Amino acid sequence: MRLLGYTRVSTASQDSQLQVDALLGEGVQRRDVFFDVTSGSKTAVSRPGMKRLLEYAESGDTVVVWRVDRLGR
């Protein structure tokens, strides 16, 4: 079982470091953090980072997010 992290910001001018720090603090390895810069209204399959995360995840893995709204609306 792995902890996989996901961060999302809406614009390139926003910084995801707060989210990354929180994920690392929960035990997610930096190599297992996936990123997106896109609106929360976009579907998971239209987000490159989320798509990579879903393809990488295996049964038993846990996805960790800073706040649930980072997953979408």
Protein backbone atom coordinates (compact mmCIF):
# COMPACT_ATOMS: atom_id res chain seq x y z
CA MET A 1 0.00 0.00 0.00
CA ARG A 2 1.26 3.45 -0.96
CA LEU A 3 0.14 6.94 -0.11
CA LEU A 4 -0.38 8.94 -3.31
CA GLY A 5 -0.82 12.70 -3.20
CA TYR A 6 -2.76 15.01 -5.49
CA THR A 7 -2.58 18.80 -5.67
CA ARG A 8 -4.52 21.21 -7.83
CA VAL A 9 -4.43 24.96 -8.23
CA SER A 10 -6.71 26.90 -10.56
CA THR A 11 -4.16 29.23 -12.15
CA ALA A 12 -0.45 29.20 -12.85
CA SER A 13 -0.03 32.25 -10.60
CA GLN A 14 -1.12 30.18 -7.58
CA ASP A 15 1.40 28.15 -5.58
CA SER A 16 0.74 24.54 -4.58
CA GLN A 17 3.59 24.41 -2.03
CA LEU A 18 1.21 24.55 0.97
CA GLN A 19 -0.58 21.49 -0.40
CA VAL A 20 2.68 19.67 -1.11
CA ASP A 21 4.00 20.39 2.39
CA ALA A 22 0.79 19.01 3.93
CA LEU A 23 1.00 15.83 1.84
CA LEU A 24 4.65 15.28 2.72
CA GLY A 25 3.75 15.81 6.37
CA GLU A 26 1.23 12.98 6.10
CA GLY A 27 3.86 10.61 4.78
CA VAL A 28 3.39 10.90 1.01
CA GLN A 29 6.71 10.58 -0.81
CA ARG A 30 7.51 13.52 -3.10
CA ARG A 31 7.79 11.13 -6.08
CA ASP A 32 4.17 10.09 -5.43
CA VAL A 33 2.66 13.58 -5.62
CA PHE A 34 0.70 14.39 -8.78
CA PHE A 35 -0.05 17.99 -9.83
CA ASP A 36 -2.57 19.87 -11.93
CA VAL A 37 -3.12 23.53 -12.79
CA THR A 38 -6.75 23.65 -13.88
CA SER A 39 -10.25 24.52 -12.79
CA GLY A 40 -11.97 22.20 -10.32
CA SER A 41 -14.89 21.96 -12.73
CA LYS A 42 -12.79 19.93 -15.22
CA THR A 43 -13.42 16.18 -15.25
CA ALA A 44 -10.75 13.87 -13.87
CA VAL A 45 -9.88 12.43 -17.29
CA SER A 46 -9.27 15.92 -18.72
CA ARG A 47 -6.65 16.68 -16.02
CA PRO A 48 -3.21 15.32 -16.96
CA GLY A 49 -2.01 14.95 -13.35
CA MET A 50 -5.19 13.21 -12.20
CA LYS A 51 -5.08 10.92 -15.23
CA ARG A 52 -1.48 9.92 -14.42
CA LEU A 53 -2.44 9.38 -10.77
CA LEU A 54 -5.34 7.10 -11.69
CA GLU A 55 -3.15 5.12 -14.10
CA TYR A 56 -0.39 4.80 -11.46
CA ALA A 57 -2.64 3.83 -8.53
CA GLU A 58 -3.02 0.19 -7.61
CA SER A 59 -5.53 -1.64 -5.44
CA GLY A 60 -4.85 -0.82 -1.79
CA ASP A 61 -3.23 2.58 -2.46
CA THR A 62 -4.62 5.63 -0.66
CA VAL A 63 -5.02 9.01 -2.35
CA VAL A 64 -4.29 11.93 -0.03
CA VAL A 65 -5.40 15.52 -0.72
CA TRP A 66 -4.94 18.70 1.30
CA ARG A 67 -8.67 19.47 1.12
CA VAL A 68 -11.42 17.55 -0.60
CA ASP A 69 -12.17 20.52 -2.90
CA ARG A 70 -8.79 19.91 -4.58
CA LEU A 71 -10.39 16.83 -6.17
CA GLY A 72 -13.13 18.87 -7.82
CA ARG A 73 -16.40 20.64 -7.30
